Amino acid sequence: MSEEVVWGAAAIGRLINRSPRQTHYLLSQGLIQAAGQLGTLWWANRAGLIAQFGGGATPTAKSEHESRRTPDAESAAHATA
């Protein structure tokens, strides 16, 4: 069984539904577990990316900004104003 490798940060980003800039940040910080670097070229195991990111359908975690802005918090803020 051969594992499919995705080459290049842009291709990795397309698979996980992230911009090239976001993908490069994730790669350079070591936040993509299935990825590695060969010289200056990034690569990742396709199955590993899908396992970690779910094929890009949903982000792995909400950002701090997104977690604070829930519909309940916004409606409560408007009710007290």
C-alpha atoms as a PDB file:
ATOM      1  CA  MET A   1       0.000   0.000   0.000  1.00  0.00           C
ATOM      2  CA  SER A   2       1.549   3.299  -1.045  1.00  0.00           C
ATOM      3  CA  GLU A   3       0.737   6.497   0.789  1.00  0.00           C
ATOM      4  CA  GLU A   4      -0.074   9.546  -1.284  1.00  0.00           C
ATOM      5  CA  VAL A   5       2.131  12.552  -0.646  1.00  0.00           C
ATOM      6  CA  VAL A   6       0.992  16.125  -1.270  1.00  0.00           C
ATOM      7  CA  TRP A   7       3.855  18.396  -2.339  1.00  0.00           C
ATOM      8  CA  GLY A   8       4.016  22.146  -1.704  1.00  0.00           C
ATOM      9  CA  ALA A   9       2.412  24.454   0.846  1.00  0.00           C
ATOM     10  CA  ALA A  10      -0.199  25.702  -1.635  1.00  0.00           C
ATOM     11  CA  ALA A  11      -1.399  22.162  -2.433  1.00  0.00           C
ATOM     12  CA  ILE A  12      -1.477  21.297   1.268  1.00  0.00           C
ATOM     13  CA  GLY A  13      -3.500  24.455   1.920  1.00  0.00           C
ATOM     14  CA  ARG A  14      -6.037  23.571  -0.762  1.00  0.00           C
ATOM     15  CA  LEU A  15      -6.554  20.176   0.831  1.00  0.00           C
ATOM     16  CA  ILE A  16      -7.101  21.588   4.340  1.00  0.00           C
ATOM     17  CA  ASN A  17      -9.066  24.619   3.124  1.00  0.00           C
ATOM     18  CA  ARG A  18      -6.531  27.229   4.220  1.00  0.00           C
ATOM     19  CA  SER A  19      -4.854  30.092   2.384  1.00  0.00           C
ATOM     20  CA  PRO A  20      -1.190  29.693   1.395  1.00  0.00           C
ATOM     21  CA  ARG A  21      -0.219  32.175   4.103  1.00  0.00           C
ATOM     22  CA  GLN A  22      -2.170  30.329   6.810  1.00  0.00           C
ATOM     23  CA  THR A  23      -0.757  27.011   5.632  1.00  0.00           C
ATOM     24  CA  HIS A  24       2.824  28.267   5.675  1.00  0.00           C
ATOM     25  CA  TYR A  25       2.343  29.516   9.232  1.00  0.00           C
ATOM     26  CA  LEU A  26       0.923  26.162  10.357  1.00  0.00           C
ATOM     27  CA  LEU A  27       3.774  24.310   8.641  1.00  0.00           C
ATOM     28  CA  SER A  28       6.547  26.543   9.982  1.00  0.00           C
ATOM     29  CA  GLN A  29       5.177  26.259  13.538  1.00  0.00           C
ATOM     30  CA  GLY A  30       5.023  22.454  13.305  1.00  0.00           C
ATOM     31  CA  LEU A  31       1.243  22.410  13.756  1.00  0.00           C
ATOM     32  CA  ILE A  32       0.573  20.012  10.888  1.00  0.00           C
ATOM     33  CA  GLN A  33       1.518  16.602  12.245  1.00  0.00           C
ATOM     34  CA  ALA A  34       1.557  14.799   8.889  1.00  0.00           C
ATOM     35  CA  ALA A  35       3.924  17.301   7.232  1.00  0.00           C
ATOM     36  CA  GLY A  36       7.634  17.609   6.745  1.00  0.00           C
ATOM     37  CA  GLN A  37      10.130  19.643   4.805  1.00  0.00           C
ATOM     38  CA  LEU A  38      12.629  18.520   2.207  1.00  0.00           C
ATOM     39  CA  GLY A  39      15.011  21.414   1.652  1.00  0.00           C
ATOM     40  CA  THR A  40      12.646  24.320   1.060  1.00  0.00           C
ATOM     41  CA  LEU A  41       9.758  22.180  -0.214  1.00  0.00           C
ATOM     42  CA  TRP A  42       6.941  21.176   2.134  1.00  0.00           C
ATOM     43  CA  TRP A  43       5.262  17.776   1.846  1.00  0.00           C
ATOM     44  CA  ALA A  44       2.467  16.055   3.726  1.00  0.00           C
ATOM     45  CA  ASN A  45       0.801  12.683   3.889  1.00  0.00           C
ATOM     46  CA  ARG A  46      -2.695  13.071   2.405  1.00  0.00           C
ATOM     47  CA  ALA A  47      -4.339  10.582   4.802  1.00  0.00           C
ATOM     48  CA  GLY A  48      -2.694  12.305   7.769  1.00  0.00           C
ATOM     49  CA  LEU A  49      -3.989  15.705   6.664  1.00  0.00           C
ATOM     50  CA  ILE A  50      -7.516  14.363   6.283  1.00  0.00           C
ATOM     51  CA  ALA A  51      -7.289  12.719   9.705  1.00  0.00           C
ATOM     52  CA  GLN A  52      -6.107  15.958  11.354  1.00  0.00           C
ATOM     53  CA  PHE A  53      -8.238  18.469   9.446  1.00  0.00           C
ATOM     54  CA  GLY A  54     -11.161  16.405   8.194  1.00  0.00           C
ATOM     55  CA  GLY A  55     -10.475  17.232   4.553  1.00  0.00           C
ATOM     56  CA  GLY A  56     -10.850  20.954   5.214  1.00  0.00           C
ATOM     57  CA  ALA A  57     -14.575  20.738   5.870  1.00  0.00           C
ATOM     58  CA  THR A  58     -14.215  22.032   9.422  1.00  0.00           C
ATOM     59  CA  PRO A  59     -11.408  23.803  11.241  1.00  0.00           C
ATOM     60  CA  THR A  60      -9.746  21.828  14.048  1.00  0.00           C
ATOM     61  CA  ALA A  61     -10.385  24.485  16.685  1.00  0.00           C
ATOM     62  CA  LYS A  62     -12.056  27.849  16.971  1.00  0.00           C
ATOM     63  CA  SER A  63      -9.835  30.875  17.331  1.00  0.00           C
ATOM     64  CA  GLU A  64      -9.982  32.816  20.580  1.00  0.00           C
ATOM     65  CA  HIS A  65     -11.950  35.543  18.805  1.00  0.00           C
ATOM     66  CA  GLU A  66     -14.532  33.069  17.475  1.00  0.00           C
ATOM     67  CA  SER A  67     -14.993  31.372  20.849  1.00  0.00           C
ATOM     68  CA  ARG A  68     -15.746  34.674  22.574  1.00  0.00           C
ATOM     69  CA  ARG A  69     -18.320  35.786  19.996  1.00  0.00           C
ATOM     70  CA  THR A  70     -21.191  33.400  20.449  1.00  0.00           C
ATOM     71  CA  PRO A  71     -24.772  34.352  19.541  1.00  0.00           C
ATOM     72  CA  ASP A  72     -25.754  34.126  23.237  1.00  0.00           C
ATOM     73  CA  ALA A  73     -22.992  36.519  24.304  1.00  0.00           C
ATOM     74  CA  GLU A  74     -23.925  38.995  21.579  1.00  0.00           C
ATOM     75  CA  SER A  75     -27.654  38.938  22.441  1.00  0.00           C
ATOM     76  CA  ALA A  76     -26.845  39.367  26.160  1.00  0.00           C
ATOM     77  CA  ALA A  77     -24.617  42.342  25.342  1.00  0.00           C
ATOM     78  CA  HIS A  78     -27.382  43.968  23.288  1.00  0.00           C
ATOM     79  CA  ALA A  79     -29.989  43.294  25.994  1.00  0.00           C
ATOM     80  CA  THR A  80     -27.965  45.180  28.613  1.00  0.00           C
ATOM     81  CA  ALA A  81     -27.180  48.120  26.335  1.00  0.00           C
END
